[in-house]
C-alpha atoms as a PDB file:
ATOM      1  CA  MET A   1      25.027  60.813 -17.955  1.00  0.00           C
ATOM      2  CA  LYS A   2      26.372  57.658 -19.555  1.00  0.00           C
ATOM      3  CA  ASP A   3      28.578  57.921 -22.604  1.00  0.00           C
ATOM      4  CA  SER A   4      30.830  55.638 -24.635  1.00  0.00           C
ATOM      5  CA  TYR A   5      34.010  57.234 -23.312  1.00  0.00           C
ATOM      6  CA  THR A   6      33.469  56.581 -19.616  1.00  0.00           C
ATOM      7  CA  SER A   7      31.549  53.299 -20.041  1.00  0.00           C
ATOM      8  CA  ASN A   8      34.228  51.548 -22.115  1.00  0.00           C
ATOM      9  CA  LYS A   9      37.942  50.822 -22.020  1.00  0.00           C
ATOM     10  CA  ALA A  10      40.053  50.345 -25.158  1.00  0.00           C
ATOM     11  CA  LYS A  11      43.124  48.102 -25.160  1.00  0.00           C
ATOM     12  CA  LEU A  12      45.651  46.960 -27.713  1.00  0.00           C
ATOM     13  CA  ALA A  13      44.773  43.477 -28.964  1.00  0.00           C
ATOM     14  CA  LEU A  14      47.405  43.192 -31.714  1.00  0.00           C
ATOM     15  CA  SER A  15      50.183  45.709 -32.390  1.00  0.00           C
ATOM     16  CA  PRO A  16      49.804  47.176 -35.883  1.00  0.00           C
ATOM     17  CA  ALA A  17      52.612  45.673 -37.942  1.00  0.00           C
ATOM     18  CA  VAL A  18      53.433  43.694 -41.042  1.00  0.00           C
ATOM     19  CA  GLN A  19      52.859  40.088 -39.992  1.00  0.00           C
ATOM     20  CA  ALA A  20      54.788  37.384 -41.854  1.00  0.00           C
ATOM     21  CA  ALA A  21      53.925  34.438 -39.584  1.00  0.00           C
ATOM     22  CA  ALA A  22      51.234  33.189 -37.217  1.00  0.00           C
ATOM     23  CA  ILE A  23      51.193  35.189 -33.981  1.00  0.00           C
ATOM     24  CA  ASN A  24      49.144  35.411 -30.806  1.00  0.00           C
ATOM     25  CA  GLY A  25      47.986  38.714 -29.384  1.00  0.00           C
ATOM     26  CA  PRO A  26      48.307  39.494 -25.670  1.00  0.00           C
ATOM     27  CA  ALA A  27      45.896  38.016 -23.128  1.00  0.00           C
ATOM     28  CA  ILE A  28      43.098  40.528 -22.496  1.00  0.00           C
ATOM     29  CA  ASP A  29      41.835  40.451 -18.910  1.00  0.00           C
ATOM     30  CA  LEU A  30      38.039  40.715 -18.763  1.00  0.00           C
ATOM     31  CA  LEU A  31      37.957  41.173 -14.982  1.00  0.00           C
ATOM     32  CA  GLY A  32      35.480  43.934 -14.186  1.00  0.00           C
ATOM     33  CA  TYR A  33      33.800  43.966 -17.627  1.00  0.00           C
ATOM     34  CA  ASP A  34      30.943  42.010 -19.191  1.00  0.00           C
ATOM     35  CA  SER A  35      31.616  42.588 -22.886  1.00  0.00           C
ATOM     36  CA  ALA A  36      34.521  42.593 -25.324  1.00  0.00           C
ATOM     37  CA  LEU A  37      34.453  43.855 -28.909  1.00  0.00           C
ATOM     38  CA  PHE A  38      37.532  43.268 -31.089  1.00  0.00           C
ATOM     39  CA  VAL A  39      38.099  45.625 -34.028  1.00  0.00           C
ATOM     40  CA  ILE A  40      40.545  44.170 -36.563  1.00  0.00           C
ATOM     41  CA  ASN A  41      42.113  46.297 -39.314  1.00  0.00           C
ATOM     42  CA  SER A  42      43.993  44.875 -42.270  1.00  0.00           C
ATOM     43  CA  GLY A  43      46.202  46.757 -44.688  1.00  0.00           C
ATOM     44  CA  ALA A  44      48.340  45.679 -47.630  1.00  0.00           C
ATOM     45  CA  ILE A  45      48.817  41.986 -48.403  1.00  0.00           C
ATOM     46  CA  ALA A  46      52.029  40.795 -50.107  1.00  0.00           C
ATOM     47  CA  SER A  47      52.350  37.784 -52.417  1.00  0.00           C
ATOM     48  CA  ALA A  48      48.789  36.477 -52.096  1.00  0.00           C
ATOM     49  CA  GLY A  49      49.025  36.425 -48.306  1.00  0.00           C
ATOM     50  CA  ASP A  50      46.476  34.039 -46.826  1.00  0.00           C
ATOM     51  CA  PHE A  51      46.009  35.157 -43.213  1.00  0.00           C
ATOM     52  CA  GLY A  52      43.090  34.783 -40.837  1.00  0.00           C
ATOM     53  CA  VAL A  53      42.260  35.525 -37.207  1.00  0.00           C
ATOM     54  CA  LYS A  54      40.446  33.570 -34.558  1.00  0.00           C
ATOM     55  CA  LEU A  55      39.220  34.440 -31.094  1.00  0.00           C
ATOM     56  CA  GLN A  56      40.575  32.356 -28.208  1.00  0.00           C
ATOM     57  CA  GLU A  57      39.725  32.113 -24.477  1.00  0.00           C
ATOM     58  CA  SER A  58      41.364  30.854 -21.280  1.00  0.00           C
ATOM     59  CA  ASP A  59      41.150  30.990 -17.492  1.00  0.00           C
ATOM     60  CA  THR A  60      44.919  31.683 -17.310  1.00  0.00           C
ATOM     61  CA  THR A  61      47.453  33.785 -19.220  1.00  0.00           C
ATOM     62  CA  THR A  62      49.482  30.667 -20.126  1.00  0.00           C
ATOM     63  CA  SER A  63      49.674  30.525 -23.931  1.00  0.00           C
ATOM     64  CA  GLY A  64      49.075  26.751 -24.118  1.00  0.00           C
ATOM     65  CA  ASP A  65      45.823  27.057 -22.130  1.00  0.00           C
ATOM     66  CA  PHE A  66      44.003  29.116 -24.773  1.00  0.00           C
ATOM     67  CA  THR A  67      41.395  27.357 -26.921  1.00  0.00           C
ATOM     68  CA  ASP A  68      39.295  28.590 -29.824  1.00  0.00           C
ATOM     69  CA  VAL A  69      36.016  30.253 -28.849  1.00  0.00           C
ATOM     70  CA  ALA A  70      32.973  28.259 -29.976  1.00  0.00           C
ATOM     71  CA  ALA A  71      30.787  29.892 -32.629  1.00  0.00           C
ATOM     72  CA  ALA A  72      27.905  30.155 -30.122  1.00  0.00           C
ATOM     73  CA  ASP A  73      30.126  32.241 -27.800  1.00  0.00           C
ATOM     74  CA  ARG A  74      31.159  34.731 -30.475  1.00  0.00           C
ATOM     75  CA  LEU A  75      29.299  37.563 -32.171  1.00  0.00           C
ATOM     76  CA  GLY A  76      30.132  38.172 -35.807  1.00  0.00           C
ATOM     77  CA  ALA A  77      32.362  36.275 -38.171  1.00  0.00           C
ATOM     78  CA  VAL A  78      35.628  36.870 -39.966  1.00  0.00           C
ATOM     79  CA  PRO A  79      36.420  35.209 -43.303  1.00  0.00           C
ATOM     80  CA  ALA A  80      39.058  32.452 -43.310  1.00  0.00           C
ATOM     81  CA  THR A  81      41.211  34.715 -45.502  1.00  0.00           C
ATOM     82  CA  LEU A  82      41.339  38.401 -44.605  1.00  0.00           C
ATOM     83  CA  ALA A  83      40.966  40.947 -47.401  1.00  0.00           C
ATOM     84  CA  ALA A  84      43.308  43.903 -47.819  1.00  0.00           C
ATOM     85  CA  ASP A  85      42.285  47.279 -46.422  1.00  0.00           C
ATOM     86  CA  SER A  86      39.324  45.944 -44.438  1.00  0.00           C
ATOM     87  CA  THR A  87      37.830  46.206 -40.961  1.00  0.00           C
ATOM     88  CA  TYR A  88      36.204  43.325 -39.090  1.00  0.00           C
ATOM     89  CA  GLN A  89      34.624  43.038 -35.665  1.00  0.00           C
ATOM     90  CA  LEU A  90      34.177  40.106 -33.290  1.00  0.00           C
ATOM     91  CA  GLY A  91      32.337  40.114 -29.986  1.00  0.00           C
ATOM     92  CA  TYR A  92      32.891  37.705 -27.097  1.00  0.00           C
ATOM     93  CA  VAL A  93      29.861  36.487 -25.117  1.00  0.00           C
ATOM     94  CA  GLY A  94      31.219  33.204 -23.702  1.00  0.00           C
ATOM     95  CA  SER A  95      28.394  31.114 -22.187  1.00  0.00           C
ATOM     96  CA  LYS A  96      30.950  29.672 -19.754  1.00  0.00           C
ATOM     97  CA  ARG A  97      32.872  32.904 -19.800  1.00  0.00           C
ATOM     98  CA  LYS A  98      36.609  32.700 -19.359  1.00  0.00           C
ATOM     99  CA  ARG A  99      38.655  35.452 -17.727  1.00  0.00           C
ATOM    100  CA  TYR A 100      41.040  36.041 -20.662  1.00  0.00           C
ATOM    101  CA  VAL A 101      40.572  36.362 -24.410  1.00  0.00           C
ATOM    102  CA  ARG A 102      42.996  37.026 -27.250  1.00  0.00           C
ATOM    103  CA  LEU A 103      43.272  37.075 -31.028  1.00  0.00           C
ATOM    104  CA  ALA A 104      45.355  34.459 -32.816  1.00  0.00           C
ATOM    105  CA  VAL A 105      46.613  35.237 -36.327  1.00  0.00           C
ATOM    106  CA  THR A 106      46.838  32.213 -38.622  1.00  0.00           C
ATOM    107  CA  LYS A 107      48.842  31.889 -41.831  1.00  0.00           C
ATOM    108  CA  ALA A 108      47.893  29.492 -44.625  1.00  0.00           C
ATOM    109  CA  GLY A 109      50.233  30.915 -47.277  1.00  0.00           C
ATOM    110  CA  GLY A 110      51.725  33.968 -48.931  1.00  0.00           C
ATOM    111  CA  THR A 111      54.249  36.437 -47.616  1.00  0.00           C
ATOM    112  CA  SER A 112      52.727  39.037 -45.277  1.00  0.00           C
ATOM    113  CA  ILE A 113      49.803  41.203 -44.224  1.00  0.00           C
ATOM    114  CA  ALA A 114      49.653  44.553 -42.459  1.00  0.00           C
ATOM    115  CA  LEU A 115      47.384  43.916 -39.477  1.00  0.00           C
ATOM    116  CA  GLY A 116      46.428  45.404 -36.132  1.00  0.00           C
ATOM    117  CA  ALA A 117      43.536  45.186 -33.663  1.00  0.00           C
ATOM    118  CA  SER A 118      42.017  46.845 -30.621  1.00  0.00           C
ATOM    119  CA  VAL A 119      39.513  45.534 -28.104  1.00  0.00           C
ATOM    120  CA  VAL A 120      36.838  47.621 -26.439  1.00  0.00           C
ATOM    121  CA  LEU A 121      35.787  46.363 -23.009  1.00  0.00           C
ATOM    122  CA  GLY A 122      32.302  47.439 -21.987  1.00  0.00           C
ATOM    123  CA  VAL A 123      29.608  47.115 -19.350  1.00  0.00           C
ATOM    124  CA  PRO A 124      31.917  47.714 -16.367  1.00  0.00           C
ATOM    125  CA  HIS A 125      30.905  46.171 -13.044  1.00  0.00           C
ATOM    126  CA  ILE A 126      31.680  49.494 -11.325  1.00  0.00           C
ATOM    127  CA  ALA A 127      31.162  52.779 -13.131  1.00  0.00           C
ATOM    128  CA  GLN A 128      34.439  54.397 -14.173  1.00  0.00           C
ATOM    129  CA  ALA A 129      35.340  57.757 -12.662  1.00  0.00           C
END
């Protein structure tokens, strides 16, 4: 029987914390999986914080090699400015799929935002035990 628990793997995409500056999440290795769903949770925003997130891809884990994922290679959308106490989701379907993906937090103004994210990897190449 297939179920969500054994057919998926959850990983940390952005440690839940109060973010006061732009930050990049860790490189998420897609090896062995055909789908990635990012779940982004925002909390309190201080001093009209203007923060956003974008999905990036790369064939290496080198930070400078990551580029923004094209709209055609992404499922869902996130507003340019995140709202307080909200949940967003982004899927990665890269047409020229890269091995690694990550979230990049952007800051356009304000003081801080409470923010965290997880990624759910699905459609494993080999069924999990």
